[in-house]
N, C-alpha and C. Protein backbone atom coordinates (compact mmCIF):
# COMPACT_ATOMS: atom_id res chain seq x y z
N MET A 1 185.29 202.01 60.45
CA MET A 1 186.48 202.55 60.99
C MET A 1 187.43 203.35 59.60
N VAL A 2 187.19 203.16 58.99
CA VAL A 2 188.58 203.58 58.08
C VAL A 2 187.92 204.68 58.46
N SER A 3 186.61 205.26 58.07
CA SER A 3 185.74 206.81 57.23
C SER A 3 186.01 206.92 58.94
N ARG A 4 186.16 206.91 59.94
CA ARG A 4 185.84 207.78 60.88
C ARG A 4 187.25 207.90 60.98
N ILE A 5 188.42 207.62 60.34
CA ILE A 5 190.08 208.22 60.19
C ILE A 5 190.02 208.70 59.47
N LEU A 6 189.13 208.72 57.96
CA LEU A 6 189.95 209.80 58.02
C LEU A 6 189.28 211.14 57.53
N CYS A 7 188.17 211.10 58.43
CA CYS A 7 187.41 212.06 59.19
C CYS A 7 188.34 213.00 59.65
N ILE A 8 188.60 212.25 60.58
CA ILE A 8 189.69 212.68 61.70
C ILE A 8 190.64 212.77 61.14
N MET A 9 191.67 212.80 59.73
CA MET A 9 192.47 213.33 59.32
C MET A 9 192.46 213.99 58.14
N ALA A 10 191.40 214.70 58.35
CA ALA A 10 190.66 215.42 57.16
C ALA A 10 190.04 216.39 58.35
N ALA A 11 189.48 216.68 59.12
CA ALA A 11 189.66 218.02 60.04
C ALA A 11 191.23 217.98 60.83
N MET A 12 191.83 216.92 60.68
CA MET A 12 193.33 217.94 61.18
C MET A 12 193.88 218.73 60.70
N GLY A 13 194.15 217.90 59.18
CA GLY A 13 194.05 218.71 58.73
C GLY A 13 193.97 220.27 58.67
N LEU A 14 192.99 220.67 58.31
CA LEU A 14 192.49 221.67 57.70
C LEU A 14 192.54 222.22 59.36
N ALA A 15 192.70 222.07 60.41
CA ALA A 15 192.78 222.57 61.83
C ALA A 15 194.19 222.86 62.03
N SER A 16 195.09 222.56 60.52
CA SER A 16 196.30 223.16 60.84
C SER A 16 197.07 224.02 59.70
N GLY A 17 196.14 224.46 59.28
CA GLY A 17 196.51 225.18 58.31
C GLY A 17 196.62 226.55 58.64
N ALA A 18 198.56 226.81 57.89
CA ALA A 18 198.67 228.15 58.29
C ALA A 18 198.45 229.50 58.39
N VAL A 19 198.56 230.14 59.11
CA VAL A 19 197.64 231.75 58.72
C VAL A 19 198.42 232.92 59.21
N TRP A 20 198.58 233.95 58.69
CA TRP A 20 199.14 234.38 59.56
C TRP A 20 199.00 236.08 58.56
N GLN A 21 199.69 237.41 59.77
CA GLN A 21 198.83 238.64 59.22
C GLN A 21 200.16 239.28 59.09
N GLY A 22 199.59 241.02 58.72
CA GLY A 22 200.95 241.62 58.66
C GLY A 22 200.35 243.35 57.70
N GLY A 23 200.78 243.99 57.84
CA GLY A 23 200.64 245.37 57.80
C GLY A 23 200.47 245.34 56.42
N LEU A 24 200.00 246.52 55.70
CA LEU A 24 200.25 246.67 54.26
C LEU A 24 201.48 246.99 54.22
N PRO A 25 201.77 246.25 52.80
CA PRO A 25 203.08 246.36 52.00
C PRO A 25 202.91 247.96 51.27
N VAL A 26 204.60 248.04 51.28
CA VAL A 26 204.67 249.38 50.64
C VAL A 26 204.63 249.10 49.14
N LYS A 27 204.11 250.27 48.92
CA LYS A 27 203.40 249.87 46.76
C LYS A 27 205.03 250.03 45.87
N PRO A 28 205.19 249.41 44.72
CA PRO A 28 206.12 249.91 44.30
C PRO A 28 205.62 251.69 43.51
N LYS A 29 206.56 252.69 42.68
CA LYS A 29 205.97 254.07 42.59
C LYS A 29 205.22 253.30 41.41
N GLU A 30 205.07 252.44 40.51
CA GLU A 30 204.42 252.44 39.15
C GLU A 30 203.39 252.20 39.66
N HIS A 31 202.69 251.34 41.04
CA HIS A 31 201.55 251.09 41.53
C HIS A 31 201.04 252.40 42.99
N ALA A 32 201.69 253.05 42.89
CA ALA A 32 201.19 253.78 43.87
C ALA A 32 199.98 254.72 44.00
N HIS A 33 199.63 255.04 42.82
CA HIS A 33 198.42 255.69 42.63
C HIS A 33 196.52 254.37 43.06
N LYS A 34 197.14 252.87 42.68
CA LYS A 34 196.09 252.04 43.15
C LYS A 34 195.80 252.05 44.33
N GLN A 35 194.78 252.23 44.66
CA GLN A 35 194.13 251.75 45.76
C GLN A 35 193.92 250.40 46.43
N GLY A 36 194.79 249.62 47.64
CA GLY A 36 194.82 248.52 48.12
C GLY A 36 195.90 247.75 48.58
N CYS A 37 196.37 246.43 48.42
CA CYS A 37 197.31 245.82 48.60
C CYS A 37 198.09 245.07 47.71
N TYR A 38 199.54 245.85 48.01
CA TYR A 38 200.59 245.70 46.63
C TYR A 38 200.99 243.97 47.43
N ILE A 39 201.18 243.11 46.04
CA ILE A 39 201.14 241.46 46.21
C ILE A 39 202.51 241.13 45.28
N GLU A 40 203.48 241.13 45.63
CA GLU A 40 204.47 240.80 45.45
C GLU A 40 204.76 239.60 44.49
N GLU A 41 204.14 239.06 45.18
CA GLU A 41 203.62 237.47 43.75
C GLU A 41 202.81 238.29 42.87
N LEU A 42 202.08 239.00 42.33
CA LEU A 42 201.67 239.20 41.44
C LEU A 42 201.64 240.63 40.28
N ASN A 43 202.83 240.93 41.52
CA ASN A 43 203.49 242.40 40.66
C ASN A 43 202.92 243.21 40.42
N ASP A 44 201.25 243.16 41.11
CA ASP A 44 200.07 244.25 40.94
C ASP A 44 199.15 244.95 42.60
N VAL A 45 198.48 245.34 42.33
CA VAL A 45 197.23 245.95 43.48
C VAL A 45 196.42 245.52 43.96
N ILE A 46 196.08 244.11 45.04
CA ILE A 46 194.42 243.95 44.33
C ILE A 46 193.21 244.85 45.55
N PRO A 47 192.23 245.27 45.00
CA PRO A 47 191.70 245.91 45.83
C PRO A 47 191.28 245.77 46.91
N PHE A 48 191.08 246.64 48.08
CA PHE A 48 190.24 246.61 49.85
C PHE A 48 188.96 245.59 49.56
N GLY A 49 189.91 244.76 50.27
CA GLY A 49 187.62 243.90 50.69
C GLY A 49 188.16 242.20 49.63
N THR A 50 189.29 241.91 49.14
CA THR A 50 189.05 241.25 48.05
C THR A 50 189.71 240.01 48.53
N MET A 51 190.00 238.84 47.79
CA MET A 51 191.13 237.91 47.69
C MET A 51 191.77 237.25 46.67
N VAL A 52 192.94 236.89 46.72
CA VAL A 52 192.84 236.07 45.17
C VAL A 52 194.38 234.72 46.00
N SER A 53 194.80 234.19 45.03
CA SER A 53 195.42 232.72 44.74
C SER A 53 195.97 232.53 44.24
N PRO A 54 196.85 233.14 44.26
CA PRO A 54 197.86 233.02 42.95
C PRO A 54 198.23 232.11 42.58
N ILE A 55 198.14 231.69 41.15
CA ILE A 55 197.87 230.32 40.31
C ILE A 55 200.24 230.24 40.35
N GLY A 56 201.00 229.18 40.99
CA GLY A 56 202.10 229.49 41.00
C GLY A 56 202.35 229.34 42.15
N HIS A 57 201.35 229.71 43.54
CA HIS A 57 202.17 229.93 44.80
C HIS A 57 200.56 229.22 45.22
N CYS A 58 201.01 228.36 46.49
CA CYS A 58 199.95 227.41 47.36
C CYS A 58 199.10 228.09 48.21
N PHE A 59 198.99 229.44 48.19
CA PHE A 59 198.55 230.41 48.82
C PHE A 59 197.03 230.96 49.10
N ARG A 60 196.28 231.58 49.96
CA ARG A 60 196.13 232.68 49.39
C ARG A 60 196.09 234.11 50.37
N VAL A 61 195.52 235.37 49.67
CA VAL A 61 195.42 236.86 50.45
C VAL A 61 194.38 237.33 50.30
N GLU A 62 194.47 237.59 51.24
CA GLU A 62 193.25 238.73 51.60
C GLU A 62 193.81 239.98 51.72
N CYS A 63 192.97 241.21 51.81
CA CYS A 63 193.44 242.55 51.76
C CYS A 63 192.21 243.58 51.96
N SER A 64 192.46 243.78 53.27
CA SER A 64 192.06 244.60 54.11
C SER A 64 192.18 246.22 54.30
N ARG A 65 191.54 247.04 54.35
CA ARG A 65 192.55 248.43 55.38
C ARG A 65 193.26 248.56 55.89
N TYR A 66 193.24 247.33 57.03
CA TYR A 66 194.37 247.08 58.14
C TYR A 66 195.30 246.15 57.32
N GLY A 67 195.47 245.53 57.19
CA GLY A 67 197.01 244.83 56.95
C GLY A 67 196.47 243.78 55.79
N ILE A 68 197.08 242.60 55.93
CA ILE A 68 197.01 241.78 55.02
C ILE A 68 196.80 240.71 55.01
N GLU A 69 196.32 239.19 54.90
CA GLU A 69 196.42 238.33 55.34
C GLU A 69 196.72 236.86 54.53
N TYR A 70 197.83 236.05 55.11
CA TYR A 70 198.35 234.56 54.12
C TYR A 70 197.63 233.80 55.13
N ALA A 71 197.21 233.23 53.79
CA ALA A 71 196.36 231.21 54.62
C ALA A 71 197.48 229.95 53.36
N SER A 72 197.97 229.85 53.72
CA SER A 72 198.56 228.05 53.05
C SER A 72 198.34 226.86 53.61
N CYS A 73 198.66 225.99 53.53
CA CYS A 73 198.69 224.76 53.64
C CYS A 73 199.21 224.27 54.60
N GLY A 74 198.41 223.07 55.69
CA GLY A 74 199.23 223.07 57.18
C GLY A 74 199.48 221.68 56.98
N LEU A 75 200.36 221.23 57.76
CA LEU A 75 201.45 220.20 57.93
C LEU A 75 200.10 219.08 57.53
N VAL A 76 200.37 217.81 56.81
CA VAL A 76 200.13 216.85 56.00
C VAL A 76 200.73 215.07 56.37
N GLN A 77 200.65 214.46 57.07
CA GLN A 77 201.03 213.44 57.35
C GLN A 77 200.63 211.75 57.27
N VAL A 78 201.42 210.71 57.06
CA VAL A 78 200.90 210.08 56.40
C VAL A 78 201.88 209.18 57.29
N SER A 79 201.21 207.80 58.28
CA SER A 79 202.22 207.24 59.40
C SER A 79 202.31 206.08 58.41
N GLU A 80 203.51 205.15 58.93
CA GLU A 80 204.20 204.19 58.69
C GLU A 80 203.31 203.35 58.62
N GLU A 81 202.32 203.07 59.32
CA GLU A 81 201.55 201.41 59.51
C GLU A 81 200.39 201.81 58.42
N SER A 82 200.32 202.99 58.03
CA SER A 82 199.30 203.38 56.63
C SER A 82 199.71 202.78 55.02
N HIS A 83 199.25 201.32 55.11
CA HIS A 83 200.09 200.80 53.51
C HIS A 83 199.75 200.85 52.63
N ASN A 84 198.08 201.90 52.84
CA ASN A 84 197.25 201.93 51.66
C ASN A 84 197.53 203.64 51.05
N CYS A 85 197.82 204.73 52.14
CA CYS A 85 197.50 205.20 51.66
C CYS A 85 198.74 206.02 51.36
N PHE A 86 198.73 207.35 50.91
CA PHE A 86 200.55 207.92 50.28
C PHE A 86 199.71 209.50 50.38
N LEU A 87 200.17 210.53 50.35
CA LEU A 87 200.86 212.02 50.32
C LEU A 87 200.38 212.59 48.68
N THR A 88 199.50 213.20 48.32
CA THR A 88 199.61 213.83 47.01
C THR A 88 200.63 214.74 46.77
N GLU A 89 201.25 215.43 45.68
CA GLU A 89 201.81 215.88 45.90
C GLU A 89 201.15 217.70 45.59
N THR A 90 201.96 218.98 46.16
CA THR A 90 201.59 219.80 45.89
C THR A 90 201.39 220.10 43.93
N ASP A 91 199.97 220.73 43.85
CA ASP A 91 199.63 221.05 42.92
C ASP A 91 199.74 222.17 42.55
N LEU A 92 200.88 223.66 42.41
CA LEU A 92 200.96 225.03 41.95
C LEU A 92 200.13 225.06 40.30
N SER A 93 199.58 224.67 40.08
CA SER A 93 198.40 224.40 38.39
C SER A 93 196.95 225.10 39.14
N ARG A 94 196.97 224.75 40.55
CA ARG A 94 195.37 224.65 40.76
C ARG A 94 195.50 225.71 41.81
N PRO A 95 194.90 227.26 42.50
CA PRO A 95 194.93 227.15 43.36
C PRO A 95 194.46 227.07 44.74
N TYR A 96 194.98 227.75 45.82
CA TYR A 96 194.30 227.48 47.05
C TYR A 96 193.44 227.13 47.84
N PRO A 97 192.68 226.11 48.39
CA PRO A 97 193.39 225.12 48.89
C PRO A 97 193.24 224.40 48.17
N ASP A 98 193.16 223.99 46.92
CA ASP A 98 192.95 222.39 45.84
C ASP A 98 194.48 222.60 45.24
N CYS A 99 195.62 222.84 45.76
CA CYS A 99 196.74 223.08 45.62
C CYS A 99 197.63 222.64 46.31
N CYS A 100 196.86 222.31 48.24
CA CYS A 100 197.45 221.47 49.13
C CYS A 100 197.80 220.77 49.01
N PRO A 101 199.04 219.39 49.16
CA PRO A 101 198.68 218.28 49.71
C PRO A 101 198.09 217.53 50.37
N ASP A 102 197.39 216.06 50.06
CA ASP A 102 196.49 215.75 50.56
C ASP A 102 196.76 214.10 50.74
N VAL A 103 196.09 214.02 52.02
CA VAL A 103 196.38 212.51 52.18
C VAL A 103 195.19 211.43 51.29
N LYS A 104 195.55 210.42 50.27
CA LYS A 104 195.09 209.31 49.48
C LYS A 104 194.75 207.89 50.14
N CYS A 105 193.79 207.29 50.47
CA CYS A 105 193.77 205.95 50.35
C CYS A 105 193.59 205.03 49.37
N GLU A 106 193.80 203.95 49.09
CA GLU A 106 192.84 202.91 47.72
C GLU A 106 192.34 201.76 49.52
N HIS A 107 191.71 201.69 49.14
CA HIS A 107 190.71 201.05 49.23
C HIS A 107 190.68 199.51 48.83
N ASP A 108 191.20 198.37 49.62
CA ASP A 108 190.85 197.25 48.71
C ASP A 108 189.05 196.40 49.18
N ASN A 109 188.88 196.16 48.24
CA ASN A 109 187.50 195.39 48.26
C ASN A 109 187.12 193.99 47.46
N TYR A 110 187.34 193.45 49.13
CA TYR A 110 187.06 191.52 48.69
C TYR A 110 185.53 191.65 48.58
N LEU A 111 185.22 190.91 47.55
CA LEU A 111 183.86 190.42 47.50
C LEU A 111 183.92 188.73 48.21
N ILE A 112 182.63 188.73 48.63
CA ILE A 112 182.83 187.11 49.52
C ILE A 112 181.76 186.41 48.21
């Protein structure tokens, strides 16, 4: 029963990730000669067809010739009835999606 609940919670967390798209950002003059997408968080250009997950930010950026796509963490919650479960902190030292908060549960092992 507990494993079924955890599987449902994991599926809901994966399904609720936020993804948004936009046009190609304008490059600053010092990067105008580079081909690809300007990523403000890196203050650099990544080549078309590549993906990056900047450390210190919890999202992924994908660059294409037609635009840029960002993906970030979904909404994760723990119900008040889940006394043995808790929400982990965002870990900006890790790349996306490992930096996202997650639900962890402590299990009681009662042996007879």
